PDB file of N, CA and C in Angstrom:
ATOM      1  N   UNK A   1       3.493   7.068  -6.370  1.00  0.00           N
ATOM      2  CA  UNK A   1       4.095   6.773  -4.244  1.00  0.00           C
ATOM      3  C   UNK A   1       2.764   7.012  -4.102  1.00  0.00           C
ATOM      4  N   UNK A   2       2.294   5.679  -3.180  1.00  0.00           N
ATOM      5  CA  UNK A   2       1.066   6.113  -2.607  1.00  0.00           C
ATOM      6  C   UNK A   2       1.467   6.686  -1.752  1.00  0.00           C
ATOM      7  N   UNK A   3      -0.230   7.258  -1.429  1.00  0.00           N
ATOM      8  CA  UNK A   3       0.178   8.016  -0.101  1.00  0.00           C
ATOM      9  C   UNK A   3      -0.594   6.861   1.368  1.00  0.00           C
ATOM     10  N   UNK A   4       0.191   7.878   2.549  1.00  0.00           N
ATOM     11  CA  UNK A   4      -0.233   6.865   3.493  1.00  0.00           C
ATOM     12  C   UNK A   4      -0.369   8.127   4.401  1.00  0.00           C
ATOM     13  N   UNK A   5      -1.049   7.529   5.648  1.00  0.00           N
ATOM     14  CA  UNK A   5      -1.482   8.330   6.454  1.00  0.00           C
ATOM     15  C   UNK A   5      -0.924   7.372   8.651  1.00  0.00           C
ATOM     16  N   UNK A   6      -0.562   8.234   9.248  1.00  0.00           N
ATOM     17  CA  UNK A   6      -0.528   7.487  10.470  1.00  0.00           C
ATOM     18  C   UNK A   6      -1.462   7.177  11.010  1.00  0.00           C
ATOM     19  N   UNK A   7      -1.118   5.728  11.797  1.00  0.00           N
ATOM     20  CA  UNK A   7      -2.187   4.704  12.104  1.00  0.00           C
ATOM     21  C   UNK A   7      -3.057   5.091  13.100  1.00  0.00           C
ATOM     22  N   UNK A   8      -2.136   6.492  13.952  1.00  0.00           N
ATOM     23  CA  UNK A   8      -2.818   7.014  14.891  1.00  0.00           C
ATOM     24  C   UNK A   8      -3.552   7.845  14.858  1.00  0.00           C
ATOM     25  N   UNK A   9      -3.780   8.660  13.325  1.00  0.00           N
ATOM     26  CA  UNK A   9      -4.518   9.453  12.960  1.00  0.00           C
ATOM     27  C   UNK A   9      -5.979   9.379  12.476  1.00  0.00           C
ATOM     28  N   UNK A  10      -6.339   7.726  12.733  1.00  0.00           N
ATOM     29  CA  UNK A  10      -7.361   7.211  11.898  1.00  0.00           C
ATOM     30  C   UNK A  10      -8.565   7.265  13.122  1.00  0.00           C
ATOM     31  N   UNK A  11      -9.472   7.874  13.046  1.00  0.00           N
ATOM     32  CA  UNK A  11     -10.458   7.617  13.797  1.00  0.00           C
ATOM     33  C   UNK A  11     -11.908   6.686  13.018  1.00  0.00           C
ATOM     34  N   UNK A  12     -12.056   5.207  14.033  1.00  0.00           N
ATOM     35  CA  UNK A  12     -12.160   4.131  13.435  1.00  0.00           C
ATOM     36  C   UNK A  12     -13.966   4.253  13.636  1.00  0.00           C
ATOM     37  N   UNK A  13     -14.201   5.198  14.900  1.00  0.00           N
ATOM     38  CA  UNK A  13     -16.129   5.161  15.300  1.00  0.00           C
ATOM     39  C   UNK A  13     -16.555   4.064  14.926  1.00  0.00           C
ATOM     40  N   UNK A  14     -18.307   4.036  14.971  1.00  0.00           N
ATOM     41  CA  UNK A  14     -18.759   2.780  15.454  1.00  0.00           C
ATOM     42  C   UNK A  14     -19.196   1.551  14.203  1.00  0.00           C
ATOM     43  N   UNK A  15     -18.664   0.639  13.786  1.00  0.00           N
ATOM     44  CA  UNK A  15     -18.726  -0.660  12.446  1.00  0.00           C
ATOM     45  C   UNK A  15     -19.457  -1.238  12.262  1.00  0.00           C
ATOM     46  N   UNK A  16     -19.509  -1.894  11.630  1.00  0.00           N
ATOM     47  CA  UNK A  16     -20.594  -2.842  11.278  1.00  0.00           C
ATOM     48  C   UNK A  16     -20.121  -4.307  11.852  1.00  0.00           C
ATOM     49  N   UNK A  17     -18.942  -4.254  11.554  1.00  0.00           N
ATOM     50  CA  UNK A  17     -18.403  -5.542  11.930  1.00  0.00           C
ATOM     51  C   UNK A  17     -17.898  -5.635  13.361  1.00  0.00           C
ATOM     52  N   UNK A  18     -18.665  -6.504  13.917  1.00  0.00           N
ATOM     53  CA  UNK A  18     -17.796  -7.096  14.871  1.00  0.00           C
ATOM     54  C   UNK A  18     -17.232  -8.415  15.377  1.00  0.00           C
ATOM     55  N   UNK A  19     -17.057  -9.223  14.575  1.00  0.00           N
ATOM     56  CA  UNK A  19     -16.434 -10.224  14.507  1.00  0.00           C
ATOM     57  C   UNK A  19     -15.533  -9.829  13.461  1.00  0.00           C
ATOM     58  N   UNK A  20     -14.071 -10.095  13.294  1.00  0.00           N
ATOM     59  CA  UNK A  20     -13.077  -9.747  12.949  1.00  0.00           C
ATOM     60  C   UNK A  20     -12.333 -11.102  12.027  1.00  0.00           C
ATOM     61  N   UNK A  21     -12.625 -12.254  12.769  1.00  0.00           N
ATOM     62  CA  UNK A  21     -12.487 -13.294  12.489  1.00  0.00           C
ATOM     63  C   UNK A  21     -10.512 -12.966  12.671  1.00  0.00           C
ATOM     64  N   UNK A  22      -9.497 -14.142  11.718  1.00  0.00           N
ATOM     65  CA  UNK A  22      -8.579 -14.284  11.463  1.00  0.00           C
ATOM     66  C   UNK A  22      -7.491 -13.398  11.402  1.00  0.00           C
ATOM     67  N   UNK A  23      -7.573 -12.659  12.039  1.00  0.00           N
ATOM     68  CA  UNK A  23      -6.238 -11.463  12.328  1.00  0.00           C
ATOM     69  C   UNK A  23      -4.850 -11.454  12.012  1.00  0.00           C
ATOM     70  N   UNK A  24      -4.679 -12.779  12.312  1.00  0.00           N
ATOM     71  CA  UNK A  24      -3.005 -13.443  12.713  1.00  0.00           C
ATOM     72  C   UNK A  24      -2.880 -13.764  11.249  1.00  0.00           C
ATOM     73  N   UNK A  25      -3.942 -14.425  10.694  1.00  0.00           N
ATOM     74  CA  UNK A  25      -3.261 -14.629   9.043  1.00  0.00           C
ATOM     75  C   UNK A  25      -3.321 -13.471   8.532  1.00  0.00           C
ATOM     76  N   UNK A  26      -4.473 -12.684   8.527  1.00  0.00           N
ATOM     77  CA  UNK A  26      -4.131 -11.490   7.568  1.00  0.00           C
ATOM     78  C   UNK A  26      -3.096 -10.320   7.858  1.00  0.00           C
ATOM     79  N   UNK A  27      -2.544 -10.656   9.461  1.00  0.00           N
ATOM     80  CA  UNK A  27      -1.091  -9.869   9.651  1.00  0.00           C
ATOM     81  C   UNK A  27       0.100 -10.676   8.745  1.00  0.00           C
ATOM     82  N   UNK A  28      -0.253 -11.640   8.938  1.00  0.00           N
ATOM     83  CA  UNK A  28       1.308 -13.167   8.059  1.00  0.00           C
ATOM     84  C   UNK A  28       0.904 -12.406   7.034  1.00  0.00           C
ATOM     85  N   UNK A  29       0.070 -12.442   7.012  1.00  0.00           N
ATOM     86  CA  UNK A  29      -0.543 -12.202   4.707  1.00  0.00           C
ATOM     87  C   UNK A  29       0.106 -10.937   4.414  1.00  0.00           C
ATOM     88  N   UNK A  30       0.211  -9.554   5.493  1.00  0.00           N
ATOM     89  CA  UNK A  30       0.467  -8.304   5.368  1.00  0.00           C
ATOM     90  C   UNK A  30       1.943  -8.153   5.489  1.00  0.00           C
ATOM     91  N   UNK A  31       2.434  -9.078   5.977  1.00  0.00           N
ATOM     92  CA  UNK A  31       4.136  -8.995   6.715  1.00  0.00           C
ATOM     93  C   UNK A  31       4.717  -9.303   5.280  1.00  0.00           C
ATOM     94  N   UNK A  32       3.988 -10.282   4.859  1.00  0.00           N
ATOM     95  CA  UNK A  32       4.929 -10.867   3.640  1.00  0.00           C
ATOM     96  C   UNK A  32       4.714 -10.538   2.347  1.00  0.00           C
ATOM     97  N   UNK A  33       3.286 -10.461   1.878  1.00  0.00           N
ATOM     98  CA  UNK A  33       3.278  -9.639   0.312  1.00  0.00           C
ATOM     99  C   UNK A  33       2.500  -8.109   0.387  1.00  0.00           C
ATOM    100  N   UNK A  34       2.719  -7.765   1.909  1.00  0.00           N
ATOM    101  CA  UNK A  34       2.439  -6.023   2.426  1.00  0.00           C
ATOM    102  C   UNK A  34       0.819  -6.008   1.863  1.00  0.00           C
ATOM    103  N   UNK A  35       0.472  -4.674   1.857  1.00  0.00           N
ATOM    104  CA  UNK A  35      -1.457  -4.827   2.224  1.00  0.00           C
ATOM    105  C   UNK A  35      -1.719  -4.450   0.085  1.00  0.00           C
ATOM    106  N   UNK A  36      -2.322  -4.970  -0.471  1.00  0.00           N
ATOM    107  CA  UNK A  36      -2.426  -5.315  -1.279  1.00  0.00           C
ATOM    108  C   UNK A  36      -3.738  -4.362  -2.148  1.00  0.00           C
ATOM    109  N   UNK A  37      -4.643  -3.961  -1.032  1.00  0.00           N
ATOM    110  CA  UNK A  37      -5.991  -3.363  -1.033  1.00  0.00           C
ATOM    111  C   UNK A  37      -5.480  -2.051   0.267  1.00  0.00           C
ATOM    112  N   UNK A  38      -5.511  -0.717  -0.456  1.00  0.00           N
ATOM    113  CA  UNK A  38      -5.330   0.415   0.694  1.00  0.00           C
ATOM    114  C   UNK A  38      -7.083  -0.201   1.315  1.00  0.00           C
ATOM    115  N   UNK A  39      -6.745   0.698   2.480  1.00  0.00           N
ATOM    116  CA  UNK A  39      -7.877   1.249   3.669  1.00  0.00           C
ATOM    117  C   UNK A  39      -8.737   2.303   2.891  1.00  0.00           C
ATOM    118  N   UNK A  40      -9.736   2.762   3.461  1.00  0.00           N
ATOM    119  CA  UNK A  40     -10.466   4.040   2.492  1.00  0.00           C
ATOM    120  C   UNK A  40     -10.930   4.851   3.584  1.00  0.00           C
ATOM    121  N   UNK A  41     -10.250   5.735   3.563  1.00  0.00           N
ATOM    122  CA  UNK A  41     -10.755   7.303   4.505  1.00  0.00           C
ATOM    123  C   UNK A  41     -11.941   8.290   3.770  1.00  0.00           C
ATOM    124  N   UNK A  42     -12.350   9.047   4.698  1.00  0.00           N
ATOM    125  CA  UNK A  42     -13.491  10.204   4.373  1.00  0.00           C
ATOM    126  C   UNK A  42     -12.283  11.469   4.573  1.00  0.00           C
ATOM    127  N   UNK A  43     -12.724  12.406   4.461  1.00  0.00           N
ATOM    128  CA  UNK A  43     -12.088  13.735   4.611  1.00  0.00           C
ATOM    129  C   UNK A  43     -11.430  14.411   6.090  1.00  0.00           C
ATOM    130  N   UNK A  44     -12.117  13.545   6.794  1.00  0.00           N
ATOM    131  CA  UNK A  44     -11.714  13.697   8.318  1.00  0.00           C
ATOM    132  C   UNK A  44     -10.382  12.597   9.242  1.00  0.00           C
ATOM    133  N   UNK A  45     -10.691  11.574   8.215  1.00  0.00           N
ATOM    134  CA  UNK A  45      -9.534  10.203   8.763  1.00  0.00           C
ATOM    135  C   UNK A  45     -10.708   9.454   9.389  1.00  0.00           C
ATOM    136  N   UNK A  46     -11.649   9.308   9.000  1.00  0.00           N
ATOM    137  CA  UNK A  46     -12.705   8.606   9.855  1.00  0.00           C
ATOM    138  C   UNK A  46     -12.368   7.426   8.672  1.00  0.00           C
ATOM    139  N   UNK A  47     -12.653   6.096   9.465  1.00  0.00           N
ATOM    140  CA  UNK A  47     -12.528   5.039   8.553  1.00  0.00           C
ATOM    141  C   UNK A  47     -13.825   4.062   7.875  1.00  0.00           C
ATOM    142  N   UNK A  48     -14.067   4.070   6.706  1.00  0.00           N
ATOM    143  CA  UNK A  48     -14.885   3.967   5.785  1.00  0.00           C
ATOM    144  C   UNK A  48     -15.067   2.321   5.637  1.00  0.00           C
ATOM    145  N   UNK A  49     -13.654   2.258   5.162  1.00  0.00           N
ATOM    146  CA  UNK A  49     -13.601   0.496   4.521  1.00  0.00           C
ATOM    147  C   UNK A  49     -11.977  -0.154   5.175  1.00  0.00           C
ATOM    148  N   UNK A  50     -11.721  -1.111   6.048  1.00  0.00           N
ATOM    149  CA  UNK A  50     -10.671  -1.832   5.690  1.00  0.00           C
ATOM    150  C   UNK A  50     -10.122  -1.888   7.330  1.00  0.00           C
ATOM    151  N   UNK A  51     -11.289  -2.269   8.107  1.00  0.00           N
ATOM    152  CA  UNK A  51     -11.131  -2.267   9.567  1.00  0.00           C
ATOM    153  C   UNK A  51      -9.861  -3.232  10.107  1.00  0.00           C
ATOM    154  N   UNK A  52     -10.324  -4.146   9.128  1.00  0.00           N
ATOM    155  CA  UNK A  52      -9.560  -5.733   9.644  1.00  0.00           C
ATOM    156  C   UNK A  52      -7.834  -5.565   9.141  1.00  0.00           C
ATOM    157  N   UNK A  53      -7.843  -4.978   8.086  1.00  0.00           N
ATOM    158  CA  UNK A  53      -6.366  -4.818   7.206  1.00  0.00           C
ATOM    159  C   UNK A  53      -5.475  -3.604   8.579  1.00  0.00           C
ATOM    160  N   UNK A  54      -6.583  -2.652   9.008  1.00  0.00           N
ATOM    161  CA  UNK A  54      -5.645  -2.032  10.000  1.00  0.00           C
ATOM    162  C   UNK A  54      -5.608  -2.617  10.670  1.00  0.00           C
ATOM    163  N   UNK A  55      -6.573  -3.269  11.674  1.00  0.00           N
ATOM    164  CA  UNK A  55      -6.157  -4.517  13.070  1.00  0.00           C
ATOM    165  C   UNK A  55      -5.351  -5.022  12.399  1.00  0.00           C
ATOM    166  N   UNK A  56      -4.687  -5.773  11.452  1.00  0.00           N
ATOM    167  CA  UNK A  56      -3.445  -6.563  10.944  1.00  0.00           C
ATOM    168  C   UNK A  56      -2.105  -5.371  11.153  1.00  0.00           C
ATOM    169  N   UNK A  57      -2.508  -4.144  10.407  1.00  0.00           N
ATOM    170  CA  UNK A  57      -0.946  -3.664  10.029  1.00  0.00           C
ATOM    171  C   UNK A  57      -0.842  -2.753  11.859  1.00  0.00           C
ATOM    172  N   UNK A  58      -2.070  -2.506  12.594  1.00  0.00           N
ATOM    173  CA  UNK A  58      -1.493  -2.112  13.499  1.00  0.00           C
ATOM    174  C   UNK A  58      -0.529  -3.538  14.756  1.00  0.00           C
ATOM    175  N   UNK A  59      -1.307  -4.622  14.585  1.00  0.00           N
ATOM    176  CA  UNK A  59      -0.523  -5.947  15.229  1.00  0.00           C
ATOM    177  C   UNK A  59       1.050  -6.005  14.607  1.00  0.00           C
ATOM    178  N   UNK A  60       1.273  -5.143  13.512  1.00  0.00           N
ATOM    179  CA  UNK A  60       2.007  -5.505  12.848  1.00  0.00           C
ATOM    180  C   UNK A  60       3.528  -4.444  13.288  1.00  0.00           C
ATOM    181  N   UNK A  61       2.591  -3.941  13.989  1.00  0.00           N
ATOM    182  CA  UNK A  61       3.377  -2.250  14.761  1.00  0.00           C
ATOM    183  C   UNK A  61       3.609  -1.066  13.516  1.00  0.00           C
ATOM    184  N   UNK A  62       2.843  -1.467  12.342  1.00  0.00           N
ATOM    185  CA  UNK A  62       3.136  -0.537  11.344  1.00  0.00           C
ATOM    186  C   UNK A  62       3.014   1.211  12.108  1.00  0.00           C
ATOM    187  N   UNK A  63       3.750   1.760  11.638  1.00  0.00           N
ATOM    188  CA  UNK A  63       3.391   3.078  12.142  1.00  0.00           C
ATOM    189  C   UNK A  63       2.651   4.325  10.889  1.00  0.00           C
ATOM    190  N   UNK A  64       1.781   3.701   9.449  1.00  0.00           N
ATOM    191  CA  UNK A  64       1.254   3.956   8.827  1.00  0.00           C
ATOM    192  C   UNK A  64       0.984   3.147   7.790  1.00  0.00           C
ATOM    193  N   UNK A  65       0.155   3.255   6.912  1.00  0.00           N
ATOM    194  CA  UNK A  65      -0.757   2.357   5.949  1.00  0.00           C
ATOM    195  C   UNK A  65      -1.482   3.192   5.343  1.00  0.00           C
ATOM    196  N   UNK A  66      -1.091   2.723   3.692  1.00  0.00           N
ATOM    197  CA  UNK A  66      -1.748   3.286   2.405  1.00  0.00           C
ATOM    198  C   UNK A  66      -3.408   3.499   2.383  1.00  0.00           C
ATOM    199  N   UNK A  67      -3.626   4.506   1.947  1.00  0.00           N
ATOM    200  CA  UNK A  67      -5.201   5.038   2.138  1.00  0.00           C
ATOM    201  C   UNK A  67      -5.838   5.163   0.849  1.00  0.00           C
ATOM    202  N   UNK A  68      -6.579   5.209   0.525  1.00  0.00           N
ATOM    203  CA  UNK A  68      -7.514   5.657  -0.537  1.00  0.00           C
ATOM    204  C   UNK A  68      -8.259   6.943   0.370  1.00  0.00           C
ATOM    205  N   UNK A  69      -8.434   7.806  -0.033  1.00  0.00           N
ATOM    206  CA  UNK A  69      -9.407   9.036   0.238  1.00  0.00           C
ATOM    207  C   UNK A  69     -11.048   8.999  -0.603  1.00  0.00           C
ATOM    208  N   UNK A  70     -11.776   9.247   0.181  1.00  0.00           N
ATOM    209  CA  UNK A  70     -13.214   9.375  -1.011  1.00  0.00           C
ATOM    210  C   UNK A  70     -13.627  10.833  -0.166  1.00  0.00           C
ATOM    211  N   UNK A  71     -14.008  11.662  -0.451  1.00  0.00           N
ATOM    212  CA  UNK A  71     -14.892  13.097  -0.329  1.00  0.00           C
ATOM    213  C   UNK A  71     -16.112  13.092  -0.339  1.00  0.00           C
ATOM    214  N   UNK A  72     -16.428  13.562   0.268  1.00  0.00           N
ATOM    215  CA  UNK A  72     -18.014  14.310   0.432  1.00  0.00           C
ATOM    216  C   UNK A  72     -18.903  13.261   0.720  1.00  0.00           C
ATOM    217  N   UNK A  73     -19.133  12.152   2.167  1.00  0.00           N
ATOM    218  CA  UNK A  73     -19.722  11.572   2.294  1.00  0.00           C
ATOM    219  C   UNK A  73     -20.603  12.009   3.771  1.00  0.00           C
ATOM    220  N   UNK A  74     -22.369  11.170   2.855  1.00  0.00           N
ATOM    221  CA  UNK A  74     -22.886  11.535   4.464  1.00  0.00           C
ATOM    222  C   UNK A  74     -22.836  10.220   4.937  1.00  0.00           C
ATOM    223  N   UNK A  75     -23.439  10.745   6.121  1.00  0.00           N
ATOM    224  CA  UNK A  75     -23.454   9.059   7.544  1.00  0.00           C
ATOM    225  C   UNK A  75     -23.939   8.135   6.144  1.00  0.00           C
ATOM    226  N   UNK A  76     -25.130   8.449   5.266  1.00  0.00           N
ATOM    227  CA  UNK A  76     -26.066   6.755   4.703  1.00  0.00           C
ATOM    228  C   UNK A  76     -24.850   6.408   3.392  1.00  0.00           C
ATOM    229  N   UNK A  77     -23.885   7.293   3.167  1.00  0.00           N
ATOM    230  CA  UNK A  77     -23.035   7.114   1.862  1.00  0.00           C
ATOM    231  C   UNK A  77     -21.883   6.349   2.794  1.00  0.00           C
ATOM    232  N   UNK A  78     -21.451   6.649   3.915  1.00  0.00           N
ATOM    233  CA  UNK A  78     -20.750   5.923   4.452  1.00  0.00           C
ATOM    234  C   UNK A  78     -20.537   4.297   4.941  1.00  0.00           C
ATOM    235  N   UNK A  79     -21.801   4.270   5.529  1.00  0.00           N
ATOM    236  CA  UNK A  79     -22.398   2.842   5.798  1.00  0.00           C
ATOM    237  C   UNK A  79     -22.950   2.228   4.311  1.00  0.00           C
ATOM    238  N   UNK A  80     -23.124   2.830   3.538  1.00  0.00           N
ATOM    239  CA  UNK A  80     -23.184   2.380   1.817  1.00  0.00           C
ATOM    240  C   UNK A  80     -22.215   1.505   1.512  1.00  0.00           C
ATOM    241  N   UNK A  81     -21.321   2.203   1.625  1.00  0.00           N
ATOM    242  CA  UNK A  81     -19.391   1.613   1.221  1.00  0.00           C
ATOM    243  C   UNK A  81     -18.805   0.721   2.193  1.00  0.00           C
ATOM    244  N   UNK A  82     -19.094   0.660   3.311  1.00  0.00           N
ATOM    245  CA  UNK A  82     -18.723   0.126   4.408  1.00  0.00           C
ATOM    246  C   UNK A  82     -19.376  -1.654   4.173  1.00  0.00           C
ATOM    247  N   UNK A  83     -20.872  -1.604   3.276  1.00  0.00           N
ATOM    248  CA  UNK A  83     -21.219  -2.590   3.367  1.00  0.00           C
ATOM    249  C   UNK A  83     -21.136  -2.944   1.689  1.00  0.00           C
ATOM    250  N   UNK A  84     -20.966  -2.339   1.747  1.00  0.00           N
ATOM    251  CA  UNK A  84     -20.642  -2.677  -0.076  1.00  0.00           C
ATOM    252  C   UNK A  84     -19.105  -3.477  -0.573  1.00  0.00           C
ATOM    253  N   UNK A  85     -18.537  -3.422   0.752  1.00  0.00           N
ATOM    254  CA  UNK A  85     -16.997  -3.550   0.718  1.00  0.00           C
ATOM    255  C   UNK A  85     -16.867  -5.360   1.061  1.00  0.00           C
ATOM    256  N   UNK A  86     -18.062  -5.407   2.626  1.00  0.00           N
ATOM    257  CA  UNK A  86     -18.598  -6.534   2.795  1.00  0.00           C
ATOM    258  C   UNK A  86     -18.748  -7.633   2.178  1.00  0.00           C
ATOM    259  N   UNK A  87     -19.963  -7.162   1.630  1.00  0.00           N
ATOM    260  CA  UNK A  87     -21.004  -7.919   0.686  1.00  0.00           C
ATOM    261  C   UNK A  87     -20.187  -7.955  -0.615  1.00  0.00           C
ATOM    262  N   UNK A  88     -20.121  -7.222  -1.718  1.00  0.00           N
ATOM    263  CA  UNK A  88     -19.709  -7.949  -2.958  1.00  0.00           C
ATOM    264  C   UNK A  88     -18.011  -8.279  -3.243  1.00  0.00           C
ATOM    265  N   UNK A  89     -17.664  -8.954  -2.180  1.00  0.00           N
ATOM    266  CA  UNK A  89     -16.417  -9.580  -2.418  1.00  0.00           C
ATOM    267  C   UNK A  89     -17.187 -11.196  -2.599  1.00  0.00           C
ATOM    268  N   UNK A  90     -16.175 -12.258  -2.726  1.00  0.00           N
ATOM    269  CA  UNK A  90     -16.788 -13.606  -2.569  1.00  0.00           C
ATOM    270  C   UNK A  90     -15.109 -14.453  -2.512  1.00  0.00           C
ATOM    271  N   UNK A  91     -15.638 -15.110  -1.484  1.00  0.00           N
ATOM    272  CA  UNK A  91     -14.608 -16.408  -1.622  1.00  0.00           C
ATOM    273  C   UNK A  91     -14.357 -17.505  -2.453  1.00  0.00           C
ATOM    274  N   UNK A  92     -13.306 -17.859  -2.978  1.00  0.00           N
ATOM    275  CA  UNK A  92     -12.475 -18.608  -3.720  1.00  0.00           C
ATOM    276  C   UNK A  92     -13.918 -19.922  -3.404  1.00  0.00           C
ATOM    277  N   UNK A  93     -14.640 -20.791  -4.498  1.00  0.00           N
ATOM    278  CA  UNK A  93     -15.263 -22.158  -4.341  1.00  0.00           C
ATOM    279  C   UNK A  93     -14.045 -22.945  -3.717  1.00  0.00           C
ATOM    280  N   UNK A  94     -14.383 -24.336  -2.815  1.00  0.00           N
ATOM    281  CA  UNK A  94     -13.176 -24.920  -2.369  1.00  0.00           C
ATOM    282  C   UNK A  94     -12.793 -25.762  -3.602  1.00  0.00           C
ATOM    283  N   UNK A  95     -13.242 -25.513  -4.473  1.00  0.00           N
ATOM    284  CA  UNK A  95     -12.589 -26.809  -5.599  1.00  0.00           C
ATOM    285  C   UNK A  95     -11.456 -25.550  -6.163  1.00  0.00           C
ATOM    286  N   UNK A  96     -11.824 -24.411  -6.280  1.00  0.00           N
ATOM    287  CA  UNK A  96     -11.270 -23.356  -6.859  1.00  0.00           C
ATOM    288  C   UNK A  96     -10.282 -23.089  -6.205  1.00  0.00           C
ATOM    289  N   UNK A  97     -10.194 -22.887  -4.467  1.00  0.00           N
ATOM    290  CA  UNK A  97      -9.169 -23.317  -3.867  1.00  0.00           C
ATOM    291  C   UNK A  97      -7.950 -24.656  -3.409  1.00  0.00           C
ATOM    292  N   UNK A  98      -8.484 -25.615  -3.945  1.00  0.00           N
ATOM    293  CA  UNK A  98      -8.016 -26.718  -3.858  1.00  0.00           C
ATOM    294  C   UNK A  98      -6.882 -26.578  -5.114  1.00  0.00           C
ATOM    295  N   UNK A  99      -7.437 -26.133  -6.246  1.00  0.00           N
ATOM    296  CA  UNK A  99      -6.388 -25.945  -7.998  1.00  0.00           C
ATOM    297  C   UNK A  99      -5.469 -25.350  -7.131  1.00  0.00           C
ATOM    298  N   UNK A 100      -5.909 -23.920  -6.921  1.00  0.00           N
ATOM    299  CA  UNK A 100      -4.530 -22.910  -6.787  1.00  0.00           C
ATOM    300  C   UNK A 100      -3.823 -22.993  -5.893  1.00  0.00           C
ATOM    301  N   UNK A 101      -4.156 -24.047  -4.299  1.00  0.00           N
ATOM    302  CA  UNK A 101      -3.109 -24.489  -3.718  1.00  0.00           C
ATOM    303  C   UNK A 101      -2.416 -25.322  -3.889  1.00  0.00           C
ATOM    304  N   UNK A 102      -2.560 -26.632  -4.948  1.00  0.00           N
ATOM    305  CA  UNK A 102      -1.885 -27.596  -5.821  1.00  0.00           C
ATOM    306  C   UNK A 102      -1.165 -27.134  -6.988  1.00  0.00           C
ATOM    307  N   UNK A 103      -1.491 -25.951  -7.550  1.00  0.00           N
ATOM    308  CA  UNK A 103      -0.712 -25.312  -8.113  1.00  0.00           C
ATOM    309  C   UNK A 103       0.233 -24.572  -7.463  1.00  0.00           C
ATOM    310  N   UNK A 104       0.155 -24.060  -6.705  1.00  0.00           N
ATOM    311  CA  UNK A 104       0.914 -23.557  -5.565  1.00  0.00           C
ATOM    312  C   UNK A 104       2.249 -24.225  -5.328  1.00  0.00           C
ATOM    313  N   UNK A 105       1.713 -25.206  -4.617  1.00  0.00           N
ATOM    314  CA  UNK A 105       2.417 -26.506  -3.990  1.00  0.00           C
ATOM    315  C   UNK A 105       3.395 -27.204  -4.663  1.00  0.00           C
ATOM    316  N   UNK A 106       2.954 -27.167  -5.966  1.00  0.00           N
ATOM    317  CA  UNK A 106       3.293 -27.988  -7.100  1.00  0.00           C
ATOM    318  C   UNK A 106       4.488 -27.228  -8.235  1.00  0.00           C
ATOM    319  N   UNK A 107       4.309 -25.886  -8.251  1.00  0.00           N
ATOM    320  CA  UNK A 107       5.634 -25.272  -9.244  1.00  0.00           C
ATOM    321  C   UNK A 107       6.679 -25.890  -8.882  1.00  0.00           C
ATOM    322  N   UNK A 108       7.321 -25.513  -9.561  1.00  0.00           N
ATOM    323  CA  UNK A 108       9.095 -25.728  -9.750  1.00  0.00           C
ATOM    324  C   UNK A 108       9.856 -24.416 -10.380  1.00  0.00           C
TER     325      UNK A 108
END
């Protein structure tokens, strides 16, 4: 069973990301598929990673959200984790996206 935290208990603080993009699209995905990757919190419920996911969950009116806890983070480690999550992900190439969409819409 996954651990959840009340959304109102999460401290957002000062974040690197200032432009959140399509939260409506992410909220639609969460409503349809659930949260695939939990947000990340430290021992004091400070948000380390997952601000967009958190905003989408709030938009949907979720009272709580699955999370993963990381311990013993200093300010530099917290910034490093936030940056890593945002830098190391990779979008599909346009060709991969086209093939994926084609397979999805032509599946029987």
